[in-house]
Protein backbone atom coordinates (compact mmCIF):
# COMPACT_ATOMS: atom_id res chain seq x y z
CA MET A 1 -42.48 20.45 65.56
CA TRP A 2 -41.83 16.70 65.50
CA HIS A 3 -44.13 14.38 67.45
CA PHE A 4 -43.25 10.89 68.57
CA PRO A 5 -45.78 8.12 69.25
CA PHE A 6 -43.95 6.86 72.33
CA HIS A 7 -43.21 8.09 75.84
CA PRO A 8 -40.70 10.99 76.02
CA GLN A 9 -38.70 9.23 78.74
CA ALA A 10 -38.32 6.13 76.56
CA HIS A 11 -37.43 8.37 73.62
CA GLY A 12 -34.72 10.05 75.73
CA ASN A 13 -33.29 6.70 76.81
CA ASN A 14 -33.25 5.49 73.20
CA LEU A 15 -31.37 8.61 72.13
CA LYS A 16 -28.99 8.21 75.07
CA TYR A 17 -27.87 4.70 74.17
CA LEU A 18 -28.03 5.24 70.41
CA SER A 19 -25.88 8.38 70.65
CA LEU A 20 -23.31 6.63 72.87
CA VAL A 21 -22.99 3.69 70.46
CA THR A 22 -22.80 6.05 67.47
CA LEU A 23 -20.14 8.19 69.16
CA THR A 24 -18.06 5.09 69.93
CA LEU A 25 -18.17 3.92 66.32
CA GLN A 26 -17.55 7.43 64.95
CA ASN A 27 -14.49 7.93 67.16
CA ALA A 28 -13.09 4.54 66.21
CA ILE A 29 -13.55 5.22 62.49
CA LEU A 30 -12.13 8.73 62.86
CA GLY A 31 -9.03 7.44 64.65
CA LEU A 32 -8.35 4.90 61.91
CA SER A 33 -9.07 7.42 59.15
CA MET A 34 -6.79 10.07 60.63
CA ARG A 35 -3.99 7.56 61.03
CA TYR A 36 -4.33 6.59 57.38
CA GLY A 37 -4.49 10.28 56.43
CA ARG A 38 -1.12 10.88 58.10
CA THR A 39 0.64 7.89 56.54
CA ARG A 40 -0.71 7.89 52.98
CA PRO A 41 1.44 9.30 50.17
CA GLY A 42 0.85 12.80 48.84
CA ASP A 43 0.76 16.36 50.13
CA LEU A 44 -0.32 16.77 53.75
CA PHE A 45 -3.14 19.21 54.40
CA LEU A 46 -2.99 21.73 57.25
CA SER A 47 -4.95 20.40 60.21
CA SER A 48 -5.92 23.94 61.29
CA THR A 49 -7.83 24.44 58.03
CA ALA A 50 -9.61 21.11 58.47
CA VAL A 51 -10.82 22.25 61.90
CA VAL A 52 -12.30 25.41 60.37
CA MET A 53 -13.97 23.46 57.56
CA ALA A 54 -15.44 20.98 60.06
CA GLU A 55 -16.98 23.89 61.98
CA LEU A 56 -18.48 25.23 58.75
CA VAL A 57 -19.99 21.83 57.94
CA LYS A 58 -21.33 21.56 61.49
CA LEU A 59 -22.84 25.06 61.23
CA ALA A 60 -24.51 24.29 57.88
CA THR A 61 -25.88 20.98 59.18
CA SER A 62 -27.22 22.58 62.36
CA LEU A 63 -28.93 25.30 60.30
CA CYS A 64 -30.61 22.61 58.18
CA LEU A 65 -31.80 20.77 61.30
CA VAL A 66 -33.23 23.94 62.84
CA TYR A 67 -34.90 24.63 59.47
CA LEU A 68 -36.57 21.21 59.73
CA GLU A 69 -37.57 21.89 63.35
CA GLU A 70 -39.25 25.11 62.22
CA GLY A 71 -41.42 23.28 59.70
CA LYS A 72 -39.21 23.96 56.65
CA ASN A 73 -40.15 27.64 56.84
CA LEU A 74 -37.37 30.15 56.14
CA GLY A 75 -39.26 32.95 57.86
CA ARG A 76 -39.60 30.94 61.06
CA LEU A 77 -35.93 29.95 60.82
CA GLN A 78 -34.87 33.60 60.58
CA ALA A 79 -37.17 34.52 63.47
CA ALA A 80 -35.77 31.70 65.62
CA LEU A 81 -32.18 32.73 64.89
CA HIS A 82 -32.96 36.38 65.62
CA GLN A 83 -34.80 35.53 68.83
CA THR A 84 -32.11 33.18 70.14
CA ILE A 85 -28.89 34.84 68.98
CA VAL A 86 -29.59 38.55 68.43
CA LYS A 87 -32.21 39.22 71.12
CA GLN A 88 -30.37 37.17 73.75
CA PRO A 89 -26.77 38.40 73.42
CA LEU A 90 -25.82 37.46 76.98
CA ASP A 91 -26.97 33.89 76.44
CA THR A 92 -25.00 33.75 73.20
CA LEU A 93 -21.91 35.18 74.88
CA LYS A 94 -22.08 32.39 77.46
CA ILE A 95 -21.06 30.03 74.67
CA CYS A 96 -17.82 32.02 74.44
CA VAL A 97 -16.74 30.41 77.70
CA PRO A 98 -16.37 26.82 76.43
CA SER A 99 -15.05 28.12 73.09
CA MET A 100 -12.28 30.10 74.80
CA LEU A 101 -11.54 27.25 77.21
CA TYR A 102 -11.11 24.82 74.31
CA ILE A 103 -8.79 27.26 72.50
CA ILE A 104 -6.61 27.66 75.61
CA GLN A 105 -6.71 23.89 76.17
CA ASN A 106 -5.48 23.18 72.63
CA ASN A 107 -2.60 25.61 73.07
CA LEU A 108 -1.66 24.02 76.39
CA LEU A 109 -1.68 20.60 74.71
CA TYR A 110 0.71 21.93 72.08
CA VAL A 111 3.06 23.21 74.81
CA SER A 112 2.79 19.91 76.67
CA ALA A 113 3.52 17.81 73.59
CA SER A 114 6.56 20.00 72.86
CA HIS A 115 8.10 19.48 76.31
CA LEU A 116 7.11 15.90 77.20
CA ASP A 117 7.82 12.55 75.62
CA ALA A 118 4.85 10.85 73.96
CA ALA A 119 4.29 8.33 76.76
CA THR A 120 4.22 10.91 79.58
CA TYR A 121 1.99 13.18 77.52
CA GLN A 122 -0.56 10.44 76.79
CA VAL A 123 -0.71 9.19 80.39
CA THR A 124 -1.02 12.66 81.92
CA TYR A 125 -3.75 13.78 79.55
CA GLN A 126 -5.96 10.84 80.58
CA LEU A 127 -6.52 12.65 83.90
CA LYS A 128 -9.17 14.65 82.01
CA ILE A 129 -11.50 11.73 82.77
CA LEU A 130 -11.19 12.42 86.50
CA THR A 131 -11.39 16.22 86.17
CA THR A 132 -14.62 15.80 84.22
CA ALA A 133 -16.07 13.73 87.06
CA VAL A 134 -14.91 16.27 89.67
CA PHE A 135 -16.56 19.17 87.81
CA ALA A 136 -19.73 17.10 87.34
CA VAL A 137 -19.91 16.80 91.12
CA LEU A 138 -19.04 20.45 91.80
CA ILE A 139 -21.07 22.16 89.07
CA LEU A 140 -23.92 19.77 88.29
CA ARG A 141 -24.19 18.44 91.86
CA ARG A 142 -24.02 14.92 90.47
CA ARG A 143 -23.54 12.13 93.00
CA LEU A 144 -21.15 9.30 92.20
CA LEU A 145 -20.99 6.03 94.07
CA PRO A 146 -17.65 4.74 95.42
CA THR A 147 -17.78 1.99 92.80
CA GLN A 148 -18.17 4.64 90.09
CA TRP A 149 -15.12 6.56 91.33
CA ALA A 150 -13.20 3.28 91.31
CA ALA A 151 -14.40 2.62 87.76
CA LEU A 152 -13.13 6.05 86.67
CA VAL A 153 -9.71 5.34 88.17
CA PHE A 154 -9.60 1.97 86.39
CA LEU A 155 -10.62 3.73 83.18
CA VAL A 156 -7.75 6.22 83.49
CA VAL A 157 -5.23 3.42 84.13
CA GLY A 158 -6.65 1.31 81.31
CA VAL A 159 -6.65 4.07 78.70
CA ALA A 160 -3.16 5.13 79.76
CA SER A 161 -1.92 1.54 79.35
CA VAL A 162 -3.47 1.29 75.88
CA GLN A 163 -2.00 4.63 74.84
CA LEU A 164 1.41 3.60 76.18
CA ALA A 165 1.23 0.41 74.16
CA GLN A 166 0.53 2.51 71.06
CA THR A 167 3.22 5.11 71.67
CA GLY A 168 5.90 2.91 73.23
CA GLU A 169 7.59 2.11 69.94
CA ASP A 170 7.40 5.72 68.76
CA ALA A 171 8.81 6.94 72.07
CA GLY A 172 11.69 4.49 71.82
CA THR A 173 12.43 5.63 68.29
CA ALA A 174 12.35 9.27 69.37
CA ALA A 175 14.69 8.54 72.28
CA THR A 176 17.14 6.79 69.94
CA ARG A 177 17.10 9.78 67.60
CA GLN A 178 17.63 12.20 70.46
CA GLN A 179 20.63 10.20 71.72
CA ALA A 180 22.11 10.33 68.23
CA MET A 181 21.77 14.12 68.10
CA PRO A 182 24.75 16.27 69.01
CA ALA A 183 24.36 18.26 72.22
CA GLY A 184 22.51 21.51 71.64
CA ASP A 185 20.54 20.25 68.62
CA GLY A 186 16.74 20.30 68.78
CA PRO A 187 14.49 22.40 70.98
CA GLU A 188 15.18 22.62 74.70
CA GLN A 189 12.59 20.77 76.76
CA ASN A 190 11.22 21.76 80.16
CA ARG A 191 9.45 18.78 81.71
CA LEU A 192 7.94 20.83 84.55
CA LEU A 193 6.43 23.25 82.04
CA GLY A 194 5.14 20.39 79.90
CA PHE A 195 3.62 18.57 82.88
CA SER A 196 2.01 21.78 84.17
CA ALA A 197 0.56 22.49 80.71
CA ALA A 198 -0.88 18.96 80.50
CA LEU A 199 -2.51 19.30 83.93
CA GLY A 200 -3.93 22.69 82.91
CA ALA A 201 -5.35 21.15 79.73
CA CYS A 202 -7.00 18.37 81.77
CA PHE A 203 -8.50 20.96 84.11
CA LEU A 204 -9.90 23.04 81.23
CA SER A 205 -11.16 19.96 79.36
CA GLY A 206 -13.29 18.90 82.33
CA LEU A 207 -14.52 22.43 83.03
CA ALA A 208 -15.44 23.20 79.41
CA GLY A 209 -17.25 19.89 78.93
CA ILE A 210 -19.34 20.19 82.09
CA TYR A 211 -20.08 23.89 81.44
CA PHE A 212 -21.39 23.03 77.97
CA GLU A 213 -23.43 20.16 79.41
CA LYS A 214 -25.06 22.54 81.90
CA MET A 215 -25.93 24.96 79.09
CA LEU A 216 -27.48 22.19 76.99
CA LYS A 217 -29.55 20.75 79.83
CA GLY A 218 -30.33 23.94 81.71
CA ALA A 219 -32.19 25.93 79.04
CA ASP A 220 -35.11 25.35 76.69
CA ILE A 221 -33.00 25.73 73.54
CA SER A 222 -32.50 22.91 71.04
CA ILE A 223 -29.08 21.30 70.77
CA TRP A 224 -28.90 22.34 67.12
CA MET A 225 -29.40 26.00 68.00
CA ARG A 226 -26.68 25.64 70.65
CA ASN A 227 -24.43 24.16 67.98
CA ILE A 228 -25.11 27.16 65.74
CA GLN A 229 -24.11 29.50 68.56
CA LEU A 230 -20.99 27.46 69.29
CA SER A 231 -19.92 27.29 65.63
CA LEU A 232 -20.48 31.02 65.05
CA LEU A 233 -18.17 31.80 67.97
CA SER A 234 -15.66 29.03 67.24
CA LEU A 235 -15.07 30.01 63.60
CA PRO A 236 -13.29 33.32 64.36
CA PHE A 237 -11.06 31.54 66.89
CA GLY A 238 -10.32 28.83 64.33
CA LEU A 239 -9.41 31.34 61.63
CA LEU A 240 -7.19 33.18 64.10
CA THR A 241 -5.43 29.90 64.91
CA CYS A 242 -4.86 29.33 61.18
CA ALA A 243 -3.33 32.77 60.79
CA VAL A 244 -1.09 32.51 63.86
CA ASN A 245 0.14 28.93 63.48
CA ASP A 246 0.11 28.43 59.70
CA GLY A 247 0.00 31.94 58.25
CA ALA A 248 3.18 31.57 56.20
CA GLN A 249 2.14 28.23 54.70
CA LEU A 250 -1.35 29.52 53.96
CA ALA A 251 0.10 32.50 52.11
CA ALA A 252 2.48 30.31 50.12
CA ARG A 253 0.27 27.30 49.37
CA GLY A 254 -3.33 28.36 49.90
CA PHE A 255 -6.07 27.33 52.30
CA PHE A 256 -7.00 24.10 50.54
CA PHE A 257 -3.48 22.79 49.89
CA GLY A 258 -3.43 18.99 50.10
CA TYR A 259 -7.22 18.63 49.96
CA ASP A 260 -8.79 15.75 48.06
CA ALA A 261 -11.84 13.52 48.42
CA PHE A 262 -10.37 11.73 51.44
CA VAL A 263 -9.71 15.00 53.29
CA VAL A 264 -13.29 16.10 52.56
CA TYR A 265 -14.43 12.79 54.06
CA LEU A 266 -12.32 13.47 57.17
CA VAL A 267 -13.80 16.96 57.53
CA VAL A 268 -17.37 15.64 57.29
CA LEU A 269 -16.59 12.81 59.73
CA GLN A 270 -15.15 15.29 62.22
CA ALA A 271 -18.19 17.55 61.89
CA VAL A 272 -20.56 14.61 62.41
CA GLY A 273 -18.60 13.75 65.55
CA GLY A 274 -19.18 17.24 66.92
CA LEU A 275 -22.93 16.90 66.38
CA ILE A 276 -23.00 13.46 68.00
CA VAL A 277 -21.11 14.80 71.03
CA ALA A 278 -23.82 17.42 71.52
CA VAL A 279 -26.51 14.72 71.47
CA VAL A 280 -24.52 12.59 73.94
CA VAL A 281 -24.02 15.51 76.32
CA LYS A 282 -27.72 16.42 76.07
CA TYR A 283 -29.21 12.97 76.60
CA ALA A 284 -26.39 11.22 78.50
CA ASP A 285 -23.48 13.08 80.13
CA ASN A 286 -19.79 13.90 79.78
CA ILE A 287 -18.68 11.01 81.98
CA LEU A 288 -20.44 8.46 79.79
CA LYS A 289 -18.95 10.26 76.79
CA GLY A 290 -15.53 9.56 78.28
CA PHE A 291 -16.33 5.86 78.48
CA ALA A 292 -17.56 5.85 74.87
CA THR A 293 -14.44 7.54 73.50
CA SER A 294 -12.22 5.26 75.58
CA LEU A 295 -13.93 2.19 74.16
CA ALA A 296 -13.43 3.69 70.70
CA ILE A 297 -9.66 3.69 71.32
CA ILE A 298 -9.82 -0.05 72.01
CA ILE A 299 -11.85 -0.71 68.85
CA SER A 300 -9.51 1.34 66.65
CA CYS A 301 -6.45 -0.41 68.11
CA VAL A 302 -7.93 -3.86 67.46
CA ALA A 303 -8.76 -2.80 63.90
CA SER A 304 -5.19 -1.51 63.52
CA ILE A 305 -3.93 -5.07 64.02
CA TYR A 306 -5.42 -5.96 60.64
CA LEU A 307 -5.11 -2.61 58.88
CA PHE A 308 -1.76 -1.21 60.04
CA ASP A 309 0.16 -4.24 61.43
CA PHE A 310 -0.30 -3.09 65.02
CA SER A 311 1.27 -5.56 67.50
CA LEU A 312 -0.99 -6.83 70.27
CA SER A 313 1.01 -6.67 73.51
CA LEU A 314 0.29 -7.82 77.07
CA GLN A 315 0.17 -4.17 78.15
CA PHE A 316 -2.51 -3.40 75.58
CA THR A 317 -4.53 -6.49 76.58
CA VAL A 318 -4.45 -5.55 80.28
CA GLY A 319 -5.37 -1.93 79.50
CA ALA A 320 -8.25 -2.99 77.25
CA GLY A 321 -9.52 -5.32 79.96
CA LEU A 322 -9.46 -2.49 82.50
CA VAL A 323 -11.40 -0.19 80.16
CA ILE A 324 -14.08 -2.79 79.43
CA GLY A 325 -14.31 -3.80 83.09
CA SER A 326 -14.62 -0.18 84.20
CA ILE A 327 -17.63 0.30 81.92
CA PHE A 328 -19.52 -2.48 83.69
CA LEU A 329 -18.32 -1.39 87.12
CA TYR A 330 -19.51 2.20 86.56
CA GLY A 331 -23.07 1.06 85.83
CA TYR A 332 -23.31 -1.52 88.61
CA ASP A 333 -24.51 -0.83 92.15
CA PRO A 334 -24.69 -4.04 94.20
CA ALA A 335 -26.45 -2.29 97.11
CA LYS A 336 -29.31 -0.81 95.08
CA GLY A 337 -29.47 -3.02 92.00
CA VAL A 338 -28.57 -0.42 89.42
CA LYS A 339 -28.25 -1.70 85.90
CA PRO A 340 -25.63 -0.36 83.45
CA GLY A 341 -26.66 3.07 82.18
CA GLY A 342 -28.16 4.23 85.47
CA ALA A 343 -31.61 2.56 85.31
CA ARG A 344 -32.70 1.54 88.81
CA THR A 345 -34.72 -1.64 89.15
CA GLY A 346 -38.11 -0.80 90.59
CA GLY A 347 -37.76 2.99 90.54
CA LYS A 348 -36.67 6.14 88.74
CA SER A 349 -33.02 6.44 87.80
CA LEU A 350 -30.78 8.67 89.87
CA ALA A 351 -29.44 10.33 86.72
CA GLU A 352 -32.93 11.36 85.59
CA ALA A 353 -33.74 12.82 89.01
CA GLU A 354 -30.53 14.82 88.96
CA GLU A 355 -31.27 16.17 85.48
CA ARG A 356 -34.70 17.39 86.64
CA LEU A 357 -33.11 19.00 89.70
CA LEU A 358 -30.55 20.75 87.49
CA ALA A 359 -33.27 22.08 85.18
CA GLU A 360 -35.20 23.45 88.16
CA LYS A 361 -32.12 25.21 89.56
CA VAL A 362 -31.27 26.83 86.24
C-alpha cells in the first residue's frame, strides 16, 4: 500500500482540486481534438469502435494501477480481483445500473438529435446540470444553499448561451438546406418526441452520475477496482452498440477502418478522461464536475478562435461570463464565510461532513 507523509484530509483536498483542474484541461483538449478529427481529410473512423477501444484502454490502465496498489504482486492482484468481482457478484452487478443508464441515455440523445434542431438540442441537454443537483439532494442528502441553486441556474443559462453561439451558424445552414429541400425529402421530425427524449436523457444523466458517486464513496473499494468493474460490464454493451448501429460498415470495412496515430491519441485521451472523472467523483462530486466540464467548453471555444477561426460573439461573451461567475457564486456563502470549494473558515467543511455521513449510512 502507498503511504503519504501528510495528513489524509490535506491529501484528499489536493486530489480534489488537482483532479478538477486536470478534468477541465482534458475536456478542453478533447473537444478541440475531436473537432479536428471530424474536419481533417481522410477516412472517418467509426465512433462506436473508438468508445470500445477507450474502455479497453481504461480497463488495462486500471488493472495496472490495482497491480501497483497490490505491491506489484500478480498473486495479490488475482486474489483482489477474485475477492471483489467473483466473490461479491451482487456488488459487481450494482455497477450494471449506471452502465445500463448510460446506454439508454446515449440512445435517447440519438433520438433527440434526430428530431430537434441543434440549438434546441444543446439548450435542453444542459438541464442535466440541474438534474444532477436534484439527485444529489435526494440520494446523497446533500444540502445546497440558495446561492448555490442560483449558481446552477446561471451555469445552465451560460452553457446554453455558449452552445447556442457555437451551433447558431450550423443551425442556420441546416435550416437553409431544409427550406431548399422538396416537401417529403429527409426524415420526418417529431419535436415532442425529441424534447421528451432530451429530458429523459437529462434525467438519466443525473441519476447515473449520482448513483456512481454513491458507489465510489459508500464502499471501501478503490476507484481503480470500481473502474475495472465498470469497464468489464460496459464492454459488452459497447460491442452490442457497434453491432446494432454499425454492423454493416464493420462487416464491409473492418473494426479499425480509418484508424491512424491521431485516432489512437483520441482513444487514449478519452480513456484518460474516464479515469479522471472517477477521481473527481471520488474526491469532489458530480456537481463540481459539471462546473469543470462547463469551464472546459469556454476554454475550447476561446482556443477555437485561433485554431478554427471561431467568431467571438456577444452571446458567447455573455454566456462565458455567466459560467465563470456561477463558479464563484457556487463556492461563496456570505452568511457563513465559505470559500470556493466548500472550505469553511474556522471549521470543518460542510461537504466533508456530508461525505462522512454518507459513508456511515452505507
